[in-house]
Amino acid sequence: IEELHKQNTSLTNERDTLKHSLVNAAKKADTLTKQNQDLD
């Protein structure tokens, strides 16, 4: 049970990290899109 709990905690942390990365990536993508539109 403890090992399962650790795995769940690890997966939760990975999920949160991934979500954070995706949010940052989305923001960067939006910024790049706007920059590209301005550049175009």
PDB file of all heavy atoms in Angstrom:
ATOM      1  N   ILE A   1       0.834  -1.204   0.000  1.00  0.00           N
ATOM      2  CA  ILE A   1       0.000   0.000   0.000  1.00  0.00           C
ATOM      3  C   ILE A   1       0.870   1.255   0.000  1.00  0.00           C
ATOM      4  O   ILE A   1       0.613   2.223  -0.709  1.00  0.00           O
ATOM      5  CB  ILE A   1      -0.952   0.009   1.219  1.00  0.00           C
ATOM      6  CG1 ILE A   1      -2.030  -1.057   1.051  1.00  0.00           C
ATOM      7  CG2 ILE A   1      -1.595   1.377   1.408  1.00  0.00           C
ATOM      8  CD1 ILE A   1      -3.003  -0.782  -0.069  1.00  0.00           C
ATOM      9  N   GLU A   2       1.922   1.249   0.802  1.00  0.00           N
ATOM     10  CA  GLU A   2       2.825   2.397   0.869  1.00  0.00           C
ATOM     11  C   GLU A   2       3.503   2.626  -0.476  1.00  0.00           C
ATOM     12  O   GLU A   2       3.637   3.768  -0.931  1.00  0.00           O
ATOM     13  CB  GLU A   2       3.874   2.164   1.968  1.00  0.00           C
ATOM     14  CG  GLU A   2       4.833   3.331   2.164  1.00  0.00           C
ATOM     15  CD  GLU A   2       4.126   4.605   2.599  1.00  0.00           C
ATOM     16  OE1 GLU A   2       3.052   4.499   3.223  1.00  0.00           O
ATOM     17  OE2 GLU A   2       4.649   5.687   2.302  1.00  0.00           O
ATOM     18  N   GLU A   3       3.913   1.534  -1.105  1.00  0.00           N
ATOM     19  CA  GLU A   3       4.545   1.652  -2.419  1.00  0.00           C
ATOM     20  C   GLU A   3       3.555   2.204  -3.439  1.00  0.00           C
ATOM     21  O   GLU A   3       3.899   3.053  -4.275  1.00  0.00           O
ATOM     22  CB  GLU A   3       5.057   0.273  -2.878  1.00  0.00           C
ATOM     23  CG  GLU A   3       5.728   0.276  -4.240  1.00  0.00           C
ATOM     24  CD  GLU A   3       6.972   1.158  -4.287  1.00  0.00           C
ATOM     25  OE1 GLU A   3       7.597   1.368  -3.228  1.00  0.00           O
ATOM     26  OE2 GLU A   3       7.321   1.621  -5.401  1.00  0.00           O
ATOM     27  N   LEU A   4       2.305   1.707  -3.354  1.00  0.00           N
ATOM     28  CA  LEU A   4       1.272   2.207  -4.253  1.00  0.00           C
ATOM     29  C   LEU A   4       1.018   3.691  -4.012  1.00  0.00           C
ATOM     30  O   LEU A   4       0.837   4.465  -4.959  1.00  0.00           O
ATOM     31  CB  LEU A   4      -0.012   1.408  -4.045  1.00  0.00           C
ATOM     32  CG  LEU A   4      -1.192   1.741  -4.982  1.00  0.00           C
ATOM     33  CD1 LEU A   4      -0.819   1.478  -6.419  1.00  0.00           C
ATOM     34  CD2 LEU A   4      -2.419   0.921  -4.599  1.00  0.00           C
ATOM     35  N   HIS A   5       1.016   4.078  -2.753  1.00  0.00           N
ATOM     36  CA  HIS A   5       0.821   5.491  -2.416  1.00  0.00           C
ATOM     37  C   HIS A   5       1.959   6.342  -2.978  1.00  0.00           C
ATOM     38  O   HIS A   5       1.734   7.424  -3.528  1.00  0.00           O
ATOM     39  CB  HIS A   5       0.734   5.647  -0.899  1.00  0.00           C
ATOM     40  CG  HIS A   5       0.582   7.069  -0.448  1.00  0.00           C
ATOM     41  ND1 HIS A   5      -0.570   7.797  -0.656  1.00  0.00           N
ATOM     42  CD2 HIS A   5       1.446   7.904   0.182  1.00  0.00           C
ATOM     43  CE1 HIS A   5      -0.409   9.012  -0.171  1.00  0.00           C
ATOM     44  NE2 HIS A   5       0.801   9.104   0.338  1.00  0.00           N
ATOM     45  N   LYS A   6       3.205   5.837  -2.853  1.00  0.00           N
ATOM     46  CA  LYS A   6       4.355   6.568  -3.392  1.00  0.00           C
ATOM     47  C   LYS A   6       4.242   6.715  -4.906  1.00  0.00           C
ATOM     48  O   LYS A   6       4.534   7.766  -5.475  1.00  0.00           O
ATOM     49  CB  LYS A   6       5.648   5.847  -3.025  1.00  0.00           C
ATOM     50  CG  LYS A   6       6.025   5.941  -1.548  1.00  0.00           C
ATOM     51  CD  LYS A   6       7.322   5.200  -1.273  1.00  0.00           C
ATOM     52  CE  LYS A   6       7.703   5.295   0.205  1.00  0.00           C
ATOM     53  NZ  LYS A   6       8.951   4.537   0.484  1.00  0.00           N
ATOM     54  N   GLN A   7       3.812   5.598  -5.561  1.00  0.00           N
ATOM     55  CA  GLN A   7       3.659   5.649  -7.006  1.00  0.00           C
ATOM     56  C   GLN A   7       2.583   6.654  -7.406  1.00  0.00           C
ATOM     57  O   GLN A   7       2.766   7.414  -8.366  1.00  0.00           O
ATOM     58  CB  GLN A   7       3.298   4.256  -7.541  1.00  0.00           C
ATOM     59  CG  GLN A   7       4.433   3.240  -7.441  1.00  0.00           C
ATOM     60  CD  GLN A   7       3.995   1.866  -7.910  1.00  0.00           C
ATOM     61  OE1 GLN A   7       2.864   1.681  -8.366  1.00  0.00           O
ATOM     62  NE2 GLN A   7       4.894   0.896  -7.803  1.00  0.00           N
ATOM     63  N   ASN A   8       1.471   6.666  -6.657  1.00  0.00           N
ATOM     64  CA  ASN A   8       0.407   7.627  -6.950  1.00  0.00           C
ATOM     65  C   ASN A   8       0.890   9.056  -6.756  1.00  0.00           C
ATOM     66  O   ASN A   8       0.573   9.951  -7.542  1.00  0.00           O
ATOM     67  CB  ASN A   8      -0.806   7.367  -6.050  1.00  0.00           C
ATOM     68  CG  ASN A   8      -1.592   6.141  -6.488  1.00  0.00           C
ATOM     69  OD1 ASN A   8      -1.430   5.680  -7.605  1.00  0.00           O
ATOM     70  ND2 ASN A   8      -2.416   5.606  -5.612  1.00  0.00           N
ATOM     71  N   THR A   9       1.653   9.261  -5.681  1.00  0.00           N
ATOM     72  CA  THR A   9       2.207  10.595  -5.418  1.00  0.00           C
ATOM     73  C   THR A   9       3.150  11.007  -6.541  1.00  0.00           C
ATOM     74  O   THR A   9       3.113  12.150  -7.021  1.00  0.00           O
ATOM     75  CB  THR A   9       2.956  10.605  -4.076  1.00  0.00           C
ATOM     76  OG1 THR A   9       2.054  10.240  -3.020  1.00  0.00           O
ATOM     77  CG2 THR A   9       3.529  11.996  -3.792  1.00  0.00           C
ATOM     78  N   SER A  10       3.994  10.053  -6.955  1.00  0.00           N
ATOM     79  CA  SER A  10       4.934  10.336  -8.041  1.00  0.00           C
ATOM     80  C   SER A  10       4.197  10.651  -9.330  1.00  0.00           C
ATOM     81  O   SER A  10       4.532  11.608 -10.041  1.00  0.00           O
ATOM     82  CB  SER A  10       5.869   9.136  -8.243  1.00  0.00           C
ATOM     83  OG  SER A  10       6.747   9.357  -9.318  1.00  0.00           O
ATOM     84  N   LEU A  11       3.150   9.844  -9.630  1.00  0.00           N
ATOM     85  CA  LEU A  11       2.376  10.081 -10.844  1.00  0.00           C
ATOM     86  C   LEU A  11       1.647  11.423 -10.783  1.00  0.00           C
ATOM     87  O   LEU A  11       1.549  12.132 -11.789  1.00  0.00           O
ATOM     88  CB  LEU A  11       1.372   8.946 -11.052  1.00  0.00           C
ATOM     89  CG  LEU A  11       1.961   7.589 -11.459  1.00  0.00           C
ATOM     90  CD1 LEU A  11       0.868   6.530 -11.486  1.00  0.00           C
ATOM     91  CD2 LEU A  11       2.643   7.681 -12.818  1.00  0.00           C
ATOM     92  N   THR A  12       1.146  11.744  -9.588  1.00  0.00           N
ATOM     93  CA  THR A  12       0.463  13.031  -9.423  1.00  0.00           C
ATOM     94  C   THR A  12       1.424  14.188  -9.655  1.00  0.00           C
ATOM     95  O   THR A  12       1.088  15.173 -10.331  1.00  0.00           O
ATOM     96  CB  THR A  12      -0.149  13.138  -8.008  1.00  0.00           C
ATOM     97  OG1 THR A  12      -1.091  12.073  -7.819  1.00  0.00           O
ATOM     98  CG2 THR A  12      -0.845  14.478  -7.818  1.00  0.00           C
ATOM     99  N   ASN A  13       2.634  14.054  -9.095  1.00  0.00           N
ATOM    100  CA  ASN A  13       3.648  15.095  -9.299  1.00  0.00           C
ATOM    101  C   ASN A  13       4.020  15.211 -10.771  1.00  0.00           C
ATOM    102  O   ASN A  13       4.172  16.327 -11.303  1.00  0.00           O
ATOM    103  CB  ASN A  13       4.890  14.791  -8.462  1.00  0.00           C
ATOM    104  CG  ASN A  13       4.639  14.929  -6.969  1.00  0.00           C
ATOM    105  OD1 ASN A  13       3.714  15.641  -6.561  1.00  0.00           O
ATOM    106  ND2 ASN A  13       5.428  14.266  -6.150  1.00  0.00           N
ATOM    107  N   GLU A  14       4.186  14.053 -11.424  1.00  0.00           N
ATOM    108  CA  GLU A  14       4.511  14.070 -12.853  1.00  0.00           C
ATOM    109  C   GLU A  14       3.382  14.711 -13.659  1.00  0.00           C
ATOM    110  O   GLU A  14       3.634  15.490 -14.583  1.00  0.00           O
ATOM    111  CB  GLU A  14       4.759  12.643 -13.350  1.00  0.00           C
ATOM    112  CG  GLU A  14       6.058  12.019 -12.824  1.00  0.00           C
ATOM    113  CD  GLU A  14       6.253  10.604 -13.335  1.00  0.00           C
ATOM    114  OE1 GLU A  14       5.458  10.174 -14.197  1.00  0.00           O
ATOM    115  OE2 GLU A  14       7.202   9.937 -12.890  1.00  0.00           O
ATOM    116  N   ARG A  15       2.125  14.361 -13.268  1.00  0.00           N
ATOM    117  CA  ARG A  15       0.984  14.945 -13.971  1.00  0.00           C
ATOM    118  C   ARG A  15       0.956  16.462 -13.793  1.00  0.00           C
ATOM    119  O   ARG A  15       0.759  17.214 -14.759  1.00  0.00           O
ATOM    120  CB  ARG A  15      -0.307  14.332 -13.436  1.00  0.00           C
ATOM    121  CG  ARG A  15      -1.585  14.866 -14.113  1.00  0.00           C
ATOM    122  CD  ARG A  15      -2.782  14.641 -13.237  1.00  0.00           C
ATOM    123  NE  ARG A  15      -2.649  15.383 -11.999  1.00  0.00           N
ATOM    124  CZ  ARG A  15      -3.414  15.207 -10.936  1.00  0.00           C
ATOM    125  NH1 ARG A  15      -4.364  14.298 -10.950  1.00  0.00           N
ATOM    126  NH2 ARG A  15      -3.232  15.926  -9.840  1.00  0.00           N
ATOM    127  N   ASP A  16       1.166  16.922 -12.541  1.00  0.00           N
ATOM    128  CA  ASP A  16       1.156  18.359 -12.277  1.00  0.00           C
ATOM    129  C   ASP A  16       2.286  19.058 -13.027  1.00  0.00           C
ATOM    130  O   ASP A  16       2.105  20.162 -13.565  1.00  0.00           O
ATOM    131  CB  ASP A  16       1.277  18.624 -10.773  1.00  0.00           C
ATOM    132  CG  ASP A  16       0.039  18.156  -9.999  1.00  0.00           C
ATOM    133  OD1 ASP A  16      -1.003  17.954 -10.644  1.00  0.00           O
ATOM    134  OD2 ASP A  16       0.146  17.977  -8.771  1.00  0.00           O
ATOM    135  N   THR A  17       3.464  18.398 -13.030  1.00  0.00           N
ATOM    136  CA  THR A  17       4.599  18.971 -13.764  1.00  0.00           C
ATOM    137  C   THR A  17       4.292  19.057 -15.248  1.00  0.00           C
ATOM    138  O   THR A  17       4.591  20.064 -15.908  1.00  0.00           O
ATOM    139  CB  THR A  17       5.861  18.110 -13.540  1.00  0.00           C
ATOM    140  OG1 THR A  17       6.164  18.065 -12.140  1.00  0.00           O
ATOM    141  CG2 THR A  17       7.052  18.703 -14.289  1.00  0.00           C
ATOM    142  N   LEU A  18       3.667  17.976 -15.761  1.00  0.00           N
ATOM    143  CA  LEU A  18       3.320  17.954 -17.181  1.00  0.00           C
ATOM    144  C   LEU A  18       2.293  19.028 -17.501  1.00  0.00           C
ATOM    145  O   LEU A  18       2.402  19.731 -18.520  1.00  0.00           O
ATOM    146  CB  LEU A  18       2.786  16.573 -17.555  1.00  0.00           C
ATOM    147  CG  LEU A  18       2.406  16.371 -19.033  1.00  0.00           C
ATOM    148  CD1 LEU A  18       3.613  16.613 -19.930  1.00  0.00           C
ATOM    149  CD2 LEU A  18       1.859  14.972 -19.249  1.00  0.00           C
ATOM    150  N   LYS A  19       1.269  19.157 -16.620  1.00  0.00           N
ATOM    151  CA  LYS A  19       0.263  20.185 -16.832  1.00  0.00           C
ATOM    152  C   LYS A  19       0.899  21.564 -16.823  1.00  0.00           C
ATOM    153  O   LYS A  19       0.570  22.418 -17.657  1.00  0.00           O
ATOM    154  CB  LYS A  19      -0.819  20.097 -15.750  1.00  0.00           C
ATOM    155  CG  LYS A  19      -1.755  18.910 -15.915  1.00  0.00           C
ATOM    156  CD  LYS A  19      -2.696  18.755 -14.738  1.00  0.00           C
ATOM    157  CE  LYS A  19      -3.621  19.926 -14.592  1.00  0.00           C
ATOM    158  NZ  LYS A  19      -4.591  19.740 -13.479  1.00  0.00           N
ATOM    159  N   HIS A  20       1.831  21.779 -15.867  1.00  0.00           N
ATOM    160  CA  HIS A  20       2.522  23.064 -15.794  1.00  0.00           C
ATOM    161  C   HIS A  20       3.327  23.307 -17.060  1.00  0.00           C
ATOM    162  O   HIS A  20       3.328  24.420 -17.608  1.00  0.00           O
ATOM    163  CB  HIS A  20       3.424  23.086 -14.562  1.00  0.00           C
ATOM    164  CG  HIS A  20       4.136  24.392 -14.344  1.00  0.00           C
ATOM    165  ND1 HIS A  20       3.482  25.548 -13.971  1.00  0.00           N
ATOM    166  CD2 HIS A  20       5.457  24.730 -14.476  1.00  0.00           C
ATOM    167  CE1 HIS A  20       4.345  26.541 -13.873  1.00  0.00           C
ATOM    168  NE2 HIS A  20       5.545  26.071 -14.185  1.00  0.00           N
ATOM    169  N   SER A  21       4.001  22.239 -17.529  1.00  0.00           N
ATOM    170  CA  SER A  21       4.797  22.365 -18.752  1.00  0.00           C
ATOM    171  C   SER A  21       3.908  22.655 -19.947  1.00  0.00           C
ATOM    172  O   SER A  21       4.265  23.462 -20.819  1.00  0.00           O
ATOM    173  CB  SER A  21       5.603  21.082 -18.990  1.00  0.00           C
ATOM    174  OG  SER A  21       6.497  20.827 -17.925  1.00  0.00           O
ATOM    175  N   LEU A  22       2.736  21.976 -19.979  1.00  0.00           N
ATOM    176  CA  LEU A  22       1.815  22.198 -21.092  1.00  0.00           C
ATOM    177  C   LEU A  22       1.277  23.627 -21.082  1.00  0.00           C
ATOM    178  O   LEU A  22       1.130  24.254 -22.138  1.00  0.00           O
ATOM    179  CB  LEU A  22       0.657  21.205 -21.005  1.00  0.00           C
ATOM    180  CG  LEU A  22       0.998  19.745 -21.349  1.00  0.00           C
ATOM    181  CD1 LEU A  22      -0.217  18.847 -21.108  1.00  0.00           C
ATOM    182  CD2 LEU A  22       1.454  19.628 -22.801  1.00  0.00           C
ATOM    183  N   VAL A  23       0.982  24.124 -19.871  1.00  0.00           N
ATOM    184  CA  VAL A  23       0.501  25.507 -19.764  1.00  0.00           C
ATOM    185  C   VAL A  23       1.569  26.474 -20.254  1.00  0.00           C
ATOM    186  O   VAL A  23       1.285  27.405 -21.032  1.00  0.00           O
ATOM    187  CB  VAL A  23       0.105  25.831 -18.310  1.00  0.00           C
ATOM    188  CG1 VAL A  23      -0.156  27.332 -18.145  1.00  0.00           C
ATOM    189  CG2 VAL A  23      -1.138  25.048 -17.900  1.00  0.00           C
ATOM    190  N   ASN A  24       2.819  26.236 -19.816  1.00  0.00           N
ATOM    191  CA  ASN A  24       3.915  27.096 -20.261  1.00  0.00           C
ATOM    192  C   ASN A  24       4.119  26.987 -21.761  1.00  0.00           C
ATOM    193  O   ASN A  24       4.360  27.993 -22.451  1.00  0.00           O
ATOM    194  CB  ASN A  24       5.213  26.726 -19.535  1.00  0.00           C
ATOM    195  CG  ASN A  24       5.196  27.146 -18.067  1.00  0.00           C
ATOM    196  OD1 ASN A  24       4.434  28.043 -17.689  1.00  0.00           O
ATOM    197  ND2 ASN A  24       6.017  26.525 -17.249  1.00  0.00           N
ATOM    198  N   ALA A  25       4.029  25.730 -22.259  1.00  0.00           N
ATOM    199  CA  ALA A  25       4.206  25.522 -23.698  1.00  0.00           C
ATOM    200  C   ALA A  25       3.097  26.229 -24.480  1.00  0.00           C
ATOM    201  O   ALA A  25       3.351  26.821 -25.536  1.00  0.00           O
ATOM    202  CB  ALA A  25       4.214  24.033 -24.012  1.00  0.00           C
ATOM    203  N   ALA A  26       1.859  26.145 -23.942  1.00  0.00           N
ATOM    204  CA  ALA A  26       0.741  26.811 -24.604  1.00  0.00           C
ATOM    205  C   ALA A  26       0.936  28.326 -24.619  1.00  0.00           C
ATOM    206  O   ALA A  26       0.666  28.991 -25.631  1.00  0.00           O
ATOM    207  CB  ALA A  26      -0.573  26.454 -23.913  1.00  0.00           C
ATOM    208  N   LYS A  27       1.428  28.859 -23.485  1.00  0.00           N
ATOM    209  CA  LYS A  27       1.681  30.305 -23.418  1.00  0.00           C
ATOM    210  C   LYS A  27       2.760  30.697 -24.420  1.00  0.00           C
ATOM    211  O   LYS A  27       2.645  31.705 -25.124  1.00  0.00           O
ATOM    212  CB  LYS A  27       2.106  30.692 -22.001  1.00  0.00           C
ATOM    213  CG  LYS A  27       0.982  30.637 -20.980  1.00  0.00           C
ATOM    214  CD  LYS A  27       1.478  31.066 -19.608  1.00  0.00           C
ATOM    215  CE  LYS A  27       0.340  31.033 -18.577  1.00  0.00           C
ATOM    216  NZ  LYS A  27       0.825  31.420 -17.224  1.00  0.00           N
ATOM    217  N   LYS A  28       3.835  29.870 -24.467  1.00  0.00           N
ATOM    218  CA  LYS A  28       4.910  30.165 -25.414  1.00  0.00           C
ATOM    219  C   LYS A  28       4.400  30.072 -26.851  1.00  0.00           C
ATOM    220  O   LYS A  28       4.767  30.877 -27.705  1.00  0.00           O
ATOM    221  CB  LYS A  28       6.065  29.194 -25.196  1.00  0.00           C
ATOM    222  CG  LYS A  28       6.844  29.435 -23.908  1.00  0.00           C
ATOM    223  CD  LYS A  28       7.995  28.457 -23.768  1.00  0.00           C
ATOM    224  CE  LYS A  28       8.773  28.705 -22.478  1.00  0.00           C
ATOM    225  NZ  LYS A  28       9.885  27.749 -22.302  1.00  0.00           N
ATOM    226  N   ALA A  29       3.539  29.035 -27.083  1.00  0.00           N
ATOM    227  CA  ALA A  29       2.995  28.873 -28.428  1.00  0.00           C
ATOM    228  C   ALA A  29       2.134  30.074 -28.811  1.00  0.00           C
ATOM    229  O   ALA A  29       2.204  30.573 -29.946  1.00  0.00           O
ATOM    230  CB  ALA A  29       2.172  27.587 -28.503  1.00  0.00           C
ATOM    231  N   ASP A  30       1.319  30.545 -27.842  1.00  0.00           N
ATOM    232  CA  ASP A  30       0.494  31.727 -28.109  1.00  0.00           C
ATOM    233  C   ASP A  30       1.354  32.953 -28.395  1.00  0.00           C
ATOM    234  O   ASP A  30       1.067  33.742 -29.304  1.00  0.00           O
ATOM    235  CB  ASP A  30      -0.432  32.008 -26.916  1.00  0.00           C
ATOM    236  CG  ASP A  30      -1.524  30.953 -26.773  1.00  0.00           C
ATOM    237  OD1 ASP A  30      -1.778  30.242 -27.757  1.00  0.00           O
ATOM    238  OD2 ASP A  30      -2.094  30.850 -25.668  1.00  0.00           O
ATOM    239  N   THR A  31       2.412  33.080 -27.585  1.00  0.00           N
ATOM    240  CA  THR A  31       3.327  34.210 -27.783  1.00  0.00           C
ATOM    241  C   THR A  31       3.993  34.140 -29.147  1.00  0.00           C
ATOM    242  O   THR A  31       4.088  35.140 -29.871  1.00  0.00           O
ATOM    243  CB  THR A  31       4.399  34.225 -26.672  1.00  0.00           C
ATOM    244  OG1 THR A  31       3.767  34.333 -25.398  1.00  0.00           O
ATOM    245  CG2 THR A  31       5.343  35.401 -26.862  1.00  0.00           C
ATOM    246  N   LEU A  32       4.467  32.912 -29.486  1.00  0.00           N
ATOM    247  CA  LEU A  32       5.120  32.733 -30.786  1.00  0.00           C
ATOM    248  C   LEU A  32       4.141  32.976 -31.934  1.00  0.00           C
ATOM    249  O   LEU A  32       4.512  33.570 -32.955  1.00  0.00           O
ATOM    250  CB  LEU A  32       5.708  31.328 -30.881  1.00  0.00           C
ATOM    251  CG  LEU A  32       6.952  31.058 -30.022  1.00  0.00           C
ATOM    252  CD1 LEU A  32       7.353  29.591 -30.125  1.00  0.00           C
ATOM    253  CD2 LEU A  32       8.111  31.948 -30.471  1.00  0.00           C
ATOM    254  N   THR A  33       2.894  32.495 -31.742  1.00  0.00           N
ATOM    255  CA  THR A  33       1.886  32.712 -32.785  1.00  0.00           C
ATOM    256  C   THR A  33       1.641  34.192 -33.003  1.00  0.00           C
ATOM    257  O   THR A  33       1.568  34.663 -34.147  1.00  0.00           O
ATOM    258  CB  THR A  33       0.559  32.021 -32.395  1.00  0.00           C
ATOM    259  OG1 THR A  33       0.787  30.611 -32.261  1.00  0.00           O
ATOM    260  CG2 THR A  33      -0.505  32.261 -33.442  1.00  0.00           C
ATOM    261  N   LYS A  34       1.515  34.925 -31.884  1.00  0.00           N
ATOM    262  CA  LYS A  34       1.300  36.367 -31.994  1.00  0.00           C
ATOM    263  C   LYS A  34       2.509  37.047 -32.643  1.00  0.00           C
ATOM    264  O   LYS A  34       2.371  37.930 -33.493  1.00  0.00           O
ATOM    265  CB  LYS A  34       1.038  36.970 -30.618  1.00  0.00           C
ATOM    266  CG  LYS A  34       0.617  38.438 -30.666  1.00  0.00           C
ATOM    267  CD  LYS A  34       0.272  38.959 -29.295  1.00  0.00           C
ATOM    268  CE  LYS A  34      -0.240  40.394 -29.367  1.00  0.00           C
ATOM    269  NZ  LYS A  34       0.688  41.314 -30.065  1.00  0.00           N
ATOM    270  N   GLN A  35       3.707  36.598 -32.210  1.00  0.00           N
ATOM    271  CA  GLN A  35       4.910  37.172 -32.798  1.00  0.00           C
ATOM    272  C   GLN A  35       4.976  36.875 -34.294  1.00  0.00           C
ATOM    273  O   GLN A  35       5.361  37.743 -35.085  1.00  0.00           O
ATOM    274  CB  GLN A  35       6.156  36.623 -32.088  1.00  0.00           C
ATOM    275  CG  GLN A  35       6.318  37.135 -30.658  1.00  0.00           C
ATOM    276  CD  GLN A  35       7.500  36.504 -29.953  1.00  0.00           C
ATOM    277  OE1 GLN A  35       8.083  35.522 -30.425  1.00  0.00           O
ATOM    278  NE2 GLN A  35       7.870  37.055 -28.808  1.00  0.00           N
ATOM    279  N   ASN A  36       4.596  35.628 -34.645  1.00  0.00           N
ATOM    280  CA  ASN A  36       4.606  35.270 -36.068  1.00  0.00           C
ATOM    281  C   ASN A  36       3.582  36.084 -36.847  1.00  0.00           C
ATOM    282  O   ASN A  36       3.854  36.516 -37.985  1.00  0.00           O
ATOM    283  CB  ASN A  36       4.313  33.779 -36.243  1.00  0.00           C
ATOM    284  CG  ASN A  36       5.488  32.911 -35.839  1.00  0.00           C
ATOM    285  OD1 ASN A  36       6.634  33.360 -35.872  1.00  0.00           O
ATOM    286  ND2 ASN A  36       5.215  31.675 -35.465  1.00  0.00           N
ATOM    287  N   GLN A  37       2.401  36.274 -36.222  1.00  0.00           N
ATOM    288  CA  GLN A  37       1.386  37.077 -36.899  1.00  0.00           C
ATOM    289  C   GLN A  37       1.863  38.513 -37.082  1.00  0.00           C
ATOM    290  O   GLN A  37       1.667  39.108 -38.154  1.00  0.00           O
ATOM    291  CB  GLN A  37       0.089  37.049 -36.088  1.00  0.00           C
ATOM    292  CG  GLN A  37      -0.615  35.705 -36.099  1.00  0.00           C
ATOM    293  CD  GLN A  37      -1.813  35.651 -35.171  1.00  0.00           C
ATOM    294  OE1 GLN A  37      -1.971  36.533 -34.301  1.00  0.00           O
ATOM    295  NE2 GLN A  37      -2.655  34.639 -35.318  1.00  0.00           N
ATOM    296  N   ASP A  38       2.471  39.051 -36.017  1.00  0.00           N
ATOM    297  CA  ASP A  38       3.013  40.412 -36.126  1.00  0.00           C
ATOM    298  C   ASP A  38       4.102  40.471 -37.189  1.00  0.00           C
ATOM    299  O   ASP A  38       4.180  41.438 -37.970  1.00  0.00           O
ATOM    300  CB  ASP A  38       3.572  40.864 -34.775  1.00  0.00           C
ATOM    301  CG  ASP A  38       2.486  41.044 -33.727  1.00  0.00           C
ATOM    302  OD1 ASP A  38       1.301  41.147 -34.116  1.00  0.00           O
ATOM    303  OD2 ASP A  38       2.809  41.055 -32.519  1.00  0.00           O
ATOM    304  N   LEU A  39       4.961  39.417 -37.180  1.00  0.00           N
ATOM    305  CA  LEU A  39       6.042  39.385 -38.158  1.00  0.00           C
ATOM    306  C   LEU A  39       5.493  39.259 -39.575  1.00  0.00           C
ATOM    307  O   LEU A  39       5.966  39.939 -40.500  1.00  0.00           O
ATOM    308  CB  LEU A  39       6.979  38.213 -37.854  1.00  0.00           C
ATOM    309  CG  LEU A  39       8.206  38.072 -38.773  1.00  0.00           C
ATOM    310  CD1 LEU A  39       9.067  39.318 -38.706  1.00  0.00           C
ATOM    311  CD2 LEU A  39       9.012  36.833 -38.392  1.00  0.00           C
ATOM    312  N   ASP A  40       4.464  38.399 -39.733  1.00  0.00           N
ATOM    313  CA  ASP A  40       3.844  38.249 -41.053  1.00  0.00           C
ATOM    314  C   ASP A  40       3.263  39.573 -41.531  1.00  0.00           C
ATOM    315  O   ASP A  40       3.389  39.932 -42.718  1.00  0.00           O
ATOM    316  CB  ASP A  40       2.737  37.189 -41.009  1.00  0.00           C
ATOM    317  CG  ASP A  40       3.300  35.779 -40.891  1.00  0.00           C
ATOM    318  OD1 ASP A  40       4.501  35.599 -41.186  1.00  0.00           O
ATOM    319  OD2 ASP A  40       2.540  34.871 -40.507  1.00  0.00           O
TER     320      ASP A  40
END
